[in-house]
């Protein structure tokens, strides 16, 4: 799985959180995995990582959508960088993201 694939999954999962009426478990899982991905890609002090962290602390629909926008911007930045083939994501993050299911 490439970094771009991982971000695409996280963007879709963010929409899943919004559509689930903010299932707390799904939200926390998405928040952690997306933060880990951004921190691995850009570092914990990068503007994308910081903005994401700020948006998800609010925990409301508008801010979660804005946090998803940060993921979209991160993907676009990767697309613009040298247009080189993607590195395997295993070099960045080991575990695959799966959206937890509510009972």
N, C-alpha and C. Protein backbone atom coordinates (compact mmCIF):
# COMPACT_ATOMS: atom_id res chain seq x y z
N UNK A 1 0.85 -1.18 0.00
CA UNK A 1 0.00 0.00 0.00
C UNK A 1 0.89 1.24 0.00
N UNK A 2 0.56 2.19 -0.85
CA UNK A 2 1.35 3.42 -0.93
C UNK A 2 0.84 4.45 0.08
N UNK A 3 1.61 5.48 0.27
CA UNK A 3 1.21 6.56 1.16
C UNK A 3 -0.08 7.21 0.64
N UNK A 4 -0.16 7.40 -0.68
CA UNK A 4 -1.36 8.00 -1.26
C UNK A 4 -2.59 7.13 -1.00
N UNK A 5 -2.43 5.81 -1.11
CA UNK A 5 -3.54 4.89 -0.83
C UNK A 5 -3.97 5.02 0.63
N UNK A 6 -2.99 5.13 1.51
CA UNK A 6 -3.28 5.26 2.93
C UNK A 6 -4.09 6.54 3.21
N UNK A 7 -3.66 7.64 2.61
CA UNK A 7 -4.38 8.90 2.81
C UNK A 7 -5.80 8.80 2.25
N UNK A 8 -5.95 8.17 1.08
CA UNK A 8 -7.29 7.98 0.51
C UNK A 8 -8.18 7.21 1.48
N UNK A 9 -7.65 6.15 2.09
CA UNK A 9 -8.42 5.37 3.06
C UNK A 9 -8.81 6.23 4.27
N UNK A 10 -7.87 7.05 4.73
CA UNK A 10 -8.15 7.91 5.89
C UNK A 10 -9.18 8.99 5.55
N UNK A 11 -9.13 9.52 4.34
CA UNK A 11 -10.13 10.50 3.92
C UNK A 11 -11.52 9.84 3.91
N UNK A 12 -11.62 8.65 3.33
CA UNK A 12 -12.90 7.93 3.30
C UNK A 12 -13.36 7.60 4.72
N UNK A 13 -12.42 7.20 5.57
CA UNK A 13 -12.78 6.87 6.95
C UNK A 13 -13.28 8.10 7.71
N UNK A 14 -12.71 9.27 7.40
CA UNK A 14 -13.19 10.51 8.01
C UNK A 14 -14.65 10.77 7.66
N UNK A 15 -15.00 10.53 6.39
CA UNK A 15 -16.40 10.65 6.00
C UNK A 15 -17.25 9.63 6.73
N UNK A 16 -16.69 8.45 6.95
CA UNK A 16 -17.41 7.42 7.70
C UNK A 16 -17.70 7.86 9.13
N UNK A 17 -16.76 8.55 9.74
CA UNK A 17 -16.97 9.08 11.09
C UNK A 17 -18.11 10.09 11.08
N UNK A 18 -18.10 10.99 10.11
CA UNK A 18 -19.17 11.99 10.02
C UNK A 18 -20.51 11.30 9.80
N UNK A 19 -20.54 10.33 8.89
CA UNK A 19 -21.79 9.62 8.58
C UNK A 19 -22.29 8.76 9.74
N UNK A 20 -21.39 8.38 10.66
CA UNK A 20 -21.78 7.54 11.79
C UNK A 20 -22.31 8.36 12.96
N UNK A 21 -22.52 9.64 12.74
CA UNK A 21 -22.93 10.54 13.82
C UNK A 21 -21.89 10.54 14.94
N UNK A 22 -20.65 10.49 14.55
CA UNK A 22 -19.51 10.58 15.46
C UNK A 22 -19.47 9.47 16.49
N UNK A 23 -19.54 8.25 16.00
CA UNK A 23 -19.31 7.11 16.88
C UNK A 23 -17.98 7.35 17.59
N UNK A 24 -17.95 7.41 18.92
CA UNK A 24 -16.72 7.78 19.64
C UNK A 24 -15.54 6.86 19.35
N UNK A 25 -15.80 5.57 19.24
CA UNK A 25 -14.70 4.62 18.97
C UNK A 25 -14.15 4.84 17.56
N UNK A 26 -15.02 4.99 16.59
CA UNK A 26 -14.58 5.22 15.21
C UNK A 26 -13.82 6.54 15.10
N UNK A 27 -14.32 7.57 15.77
CA UNK A 27 -13.66 8.88 15.73
C UNK A 27 -12.26 8.80 16.33
N UNK A 28 -12.13 8.20 17.50
CA UNK A 28 -10.82 8.13 18.15
C UNK A 28 -9.83 7.30 17.32
N UNK A 29 -10.32 6.21 16.74
CA UNK A 29 -9.45 5.36 15.92
C UNK A 29 -8.97 6.14 14.68
N UNK A 30 -9.90 6.79 14.00
CA UNK A 30 -9.55 7.59 12.82
C UNK A 30 -8.59 8.71 13.19
N UNK A 31 -8.90 9.40 14.26
CA UNK A 31 -8.07 10.52 14.72
C UNK A 31 -6.63 10.06 14.95
N UNK A 32 -6.45 8.95 15.65
CA UNK A 32 -5.12 8.43 15.95
C UNK A 32 -4.38 8.01 14.68
N UNK A 33 -5.05 7.24 13.83
CA UNK A 33 -4.39 6.73 12.61
C UNK A 33 -4.04 7.87 11.65
N UNK A 34 -4.92 8.85 11.51
CA UNK A 34 -4.63 9.97 10.62
C UNK A 34 -3.49 10.82 11.18
N UNK A 35 -3.49 11.05 12.48
CA UNK A 35 -2.40 11.81 13.09
C UNK A 35 -1.07 11.08 12.91
N UNK A 36 -1.06 9.78 13.14
CA UNK A 36 0.17 8.99 12.97
C UNK A 36 0.67 9.08 11.54
N UNK A 37 -0.23 9.01 10.59
CA UNK A 37 0.14 9.09 9.18
C UNK A 37 0.76 10.45 8.85
N UNK A 38 0.09 11.53 9.26
CA UNK A 38 0.61 12.87 8.99
C UNK A 38 1.96 13.09 9.68
N UNK A 39 2.07 12.64 10.93
CA UNK A 39 3.33 12.82 11.66
C UNK A 39 4.46 12.03 11.01
N UNK A 40 4.15 10.84 10.51
CA UNK A 40 5.18 10.04 9.83
C UNK A 40 5.59 10.67 8.50
N UNK A 41 4.63 11.26 7.81
CA UNK A 41 4.91 11.85 6.50
C UNK A 41 5.65 13.18 6.61
N UNK A 42 5.20 14.03 7.52
CA UNK A 42 5.68 15.42 7.56
C UNK A 42 6.39 15.79 8.87
N UNK A 43 6.20 15.00 9.91
CA UNK A 43 6.75 15.33 11.22
C UNK A 43 5.67 15.91 12.11
N UNK A 44 5.83 15.78 13.43
CA UNK A 44 4.80 16.23 14.36
C UNK A 44 4.66 17.75 14.43
N UNK A 45 5.66 18.49 13.99
CA UNK A 45 5.60 19.95 14.07
C UNK A 45 5.21 20.61 12.75
N UNK A 46 4.93 19.83 11.73
CA UNK A 46 4.53 20.37 10.44
C UNK A 46 3.16 21.01 10.54
N UNK A 47 2.92 22.01 9.73
CA UNK A 47 1.66 22.75 9.78
C UNK A 47 0.45 21.83 9.54
N UNK A 48 0.55 20.86 8.64
CA UNK A 48 -0.58 19.95 8.40
C UNK A 48 -0.88 19.14 9.65
N UNK A 49 0.15 18.62 10.30
CA UNK A 49 -0.03 17.82 11.50
C UNK A 49 -0.66 18.65 12.61
N UNK A 50 -0.16 19.86 12.78
CA UNK A 50 -0.69 20.75 13.83
C UNK A 50 -2.14 21.16 13.56
N UNK A 51 -2.44 21.54 12.32
CA UNK A 51 -3.82 21.91 11.98
C UNK A 51 -4.76 20.73 12.20
N UNK A 52 -4.35 19.55 11.76
CA UNK A 52 -5.18 18.36 11.95
C UNK A 52 -5.46 18.17 13.44
N UNK A 53 -4.41 18.23 14.23
CA UNK A 53 -4.55 18.03 15.67
C UNK A 53 -5.51 19.06 16.29
N UNK A 54 -5.38 20.31 15.87
CA UNK A 54 -6.26 21.36 16.38
C UNK A 54 -7.72 21.11 15.98
N UNK A 55 -7.94 20.75 14.73
CA UNK A 55 -9.31 20.53 14.26
C UNK A 55 -9.98 19.37 14.99
N UNK A 56 -9.28 18.25 15.16
CA UNK A 56 -9.93 17.09 15.76
C UNK A 56 -10.15 17.26 17.26
N UNK A 57 -9.43 18.17 17.89
CA UNK A 57 -9.68 18.41 19.31
C UNK A 57 -11.06 19.02 19.53
N UNK A 58 -11.56 19.74 18.54
CA UNK A 58 -12.88 20.34 18.65
C UNK A 58 -13.98 19.27 18.59
N UNK A 59 -13.78 18.26 17.75
CA UNK A 59 -14.67 17.12 17.69
C UNK A 59 -16.05 17.34 17.13
N UNK A 60 -16.31 18.48 16.49
CA UNK A 60 -17.62 18.67 15.88
C UNK A 60 -17.53 18.44 14.37
N UNK A 61 -18.69 18.38 13.74
CA UNK A 61 -18.76 18.04 12.31
C UNK A 61 -17.91 18.97 11.45
N UNK A 62 -18.02 20.26 11.65
CA UNK A 62 -17.29 21.23 10.83
C UNK A 62 -15.79 21.03 10.96
N UNK A 63 -15.32 20.83 12.17
CA UNK A 63 -13.88 20.67 12.38
C UNK A 63 -13.37 19.31 11.89
N UNK A 64 -14.19 18.29 11.98
CA UNK A 64 -13.78 16.99 11.43
C UNK A 64 -13.69 17.08 9.91
N UNK A 65 -14.63 17.79 9.31
CA UNK A 65 -14.54 17.99 7.86
C UNK A 65 -13.29 18.79 7.50
N UNK A 66 -12.95 19.79 8.30
CA UNK A 66 -11.74 20.57 8.06
C UNK A 66 -10.50 19.69 8.23
N UNK A 67 -10.51 18.80 9.21
CA UNK A 67 -9.39 17.88 9.41
C UNK A 67 -9.24 16.97 8.19
N UNK A 68 -10.38 16.54 7.62
CA UNK A 68 -10.33 15.75 6.38
C UNK A 68 -9.73 16.56 5.25
N UNK A 69 -10.01 17.86 5.24
CA UNK A 69 -9.41 18.75 4.24
C UNK A 69 -7.90 18.83 4.36
N UNK A 70 -7.40 18.73 5.58
CA UNK A 70 -5.95 18.70 5.79
C UNK A 70 -5.37 17.44 5.15
N UNK A 71 -6.07 16.32 5.28
CA UNK A 71 -5.60 15.09 4.64
C UNK A 71 -5.59 15.23 3.12
N UNK A 72 -6.61 15.89 2.57
CA UNK A 72 -6.66 16.12 1.12
C UNK A 72 -5.48 16.99 0.70
N UNK A 73 -5.19 18.04 1.46
CA UNK A 73 -4.06 18.92 1.15
C UNK A 73 -2.74 18.16 1.23
N UNK A 74 -2.60 17.29 2.21
CA UNK A 74 -1.39 16.49 2.34
C UNK A 74 -1.21 15.58 1.13
N UNK A 75 -2.29 14.99 0.68
CA UNK A 75 -2.22 14.13 -0.51
C UNK A 75 -1.81 14.94 -1.74
N UNK A 76 -2.39 16.14 -1.88
CA UNK A 76 -2.05 16.98 -3.03
C UNK A 76 -0.59 17.40 -2.99
N UNK A 77 -0.08 17.68 -1.80
CA UNK A 77 1.32 18.04 -1.69
C UNK A 77 2.21 16.88 -2.12
N UNK A 78 1.86 15.69 -1.71
CA UNK A 78 2.62 14.52 -2.15
C UNK A 78 2.58 14.36 -3.66
N UNK A 79 1.41 14.59 -4.24
CA UNK A 79 1.25 14.47 -5.69
C UNK A 79 2.14 15.47 -6.43
N UNK A 80 2.36 16.62 -5.82
CA UNK A 80 3.16 17.66 -6.47
C UNK A 80 4.67 17.46 -6.31
N UNK A 81 5.07 16.70 -5.31
CA UNK A 81 6.49 16.51 -5.05
C UNK A 81 7.11 15.58 -6.10
N UNK A 82 7.78 16.16 -7.02
CA UNK A 82 8.60 15.43 -8.00
C UNK A 82 7.88 14.40 -8.84
N UNK A 83 6.63 14.16 -8.57
CA UNK A 83 5.87 13.17 -9.35
C UNK A 83 6.61 11.84 -9.46
N UNK A 84 7.32 11.49 -8.40
CA UNK A 84 8.05 10.22 -8.37
C UNK A 84 7.09 9.11 -7.92
N UNK A 85 7.42 7.85 -8.24
CA UNK A 85 6.59 6.75 -7.76
C UNK A 85 6.55 6.74 -6.23
N UNK A 86 5.45 6.29 -5.70
CA UNK A 86 5.25 6.26 -4.26
C UNK A 86 6.17 5.26 -3.59
N UNK A 87 6.56 5.60 -2.36
CA UNK A 87 7.28 4.65 -1.52
C UNK A 87 6.24 3.72 -0.92
N UNK A 88 6.60 2.47 -0.66
CA UNK A 88 5.64 1.59 0.02
C UNK A 88 5.33 2.16 1.40
N UNK A 89 4.08 2.10 1.78
CA UNK A 89 3.66 2.65 3.05
C UNK A 89 4.24 1.88 4.22
N UNK A 90 4.60 0.63 4.02
CA UNK A 90 5.18 -0.15 5.10
C UNK A 90 6.40 0.54 5.68
N UNK A 91 7.07 1.36 4.89
CA UNK A 91 8.21 2.09 5.39
C UNK A 91 7.79 3.23 6.31
N UNK A 92 6.53 3.62 6.27
CA UNK A 92 6.05 4.74 7.06
C UNK A 92 5.21 4.25 8.23
N UNK A 93 4.20 3.45 7.95
CA UNK A 93 3.29 2.95 8.98
C UNK A 93 3.03 1.48 8.69
N UNK A 94 3.12 0.65 9.72
CA UNK A 94 3.02 -0.79 9.50
C UNK A 94 1.59 -1.31 9.37
N UNK A 95 0.69 -0.91 10.23
CA UNK A 95 -0.64 -1.52 10.27
C UNK A 95 -1.58 -0.88 9.26
N UNK A 96 -2.42 -1.69 8.65
CA UNK A 96 -3.46 -1.18 7.76
C UNK A 96 -4.57 -0.56 8.59
N UNK A 97 -5.22 0.46 8.05
CA UNK A 97 -6.34 1.09 8.73
C UNK A 97 -7.61 0.37 8.34
N UNK A 98 -8.39 -0.01 9.33
CA UNK A 98 -9.72 -0.52 9.06
C UNK A 98 -10.69 0.22 9.95
N UNK A 99 -11.80 0.58 9.39
CA UNK A 99 -12.82 1.33 10.11
C UNK A 99 -13.50 0.40 11.09
N UNK A 100 -13.48 0.72 12.39
CA UNK A 100 -14.17 -0.14 13.34
C UNK A 100 -15.68 -0.09 13.13
N UNK A 101 -16.33 -1.16 13.42
CA UNK A 101 -17.77 -1.23 13.24
C UNK A 101 -18.47 -0.99 14.57
N UNK A 102 -19.55 -0.26 14.50
CA UNK A 102 -20.37 -0.02 15.69
C UNK A 102 -21.29 -1.21 15.89
N UNK A 103 -21.62 -1.46 17.12
CA UNK A 103 -22.57 -2.57 17.41
C UNK A 103 -23.97 -2.06 17.43
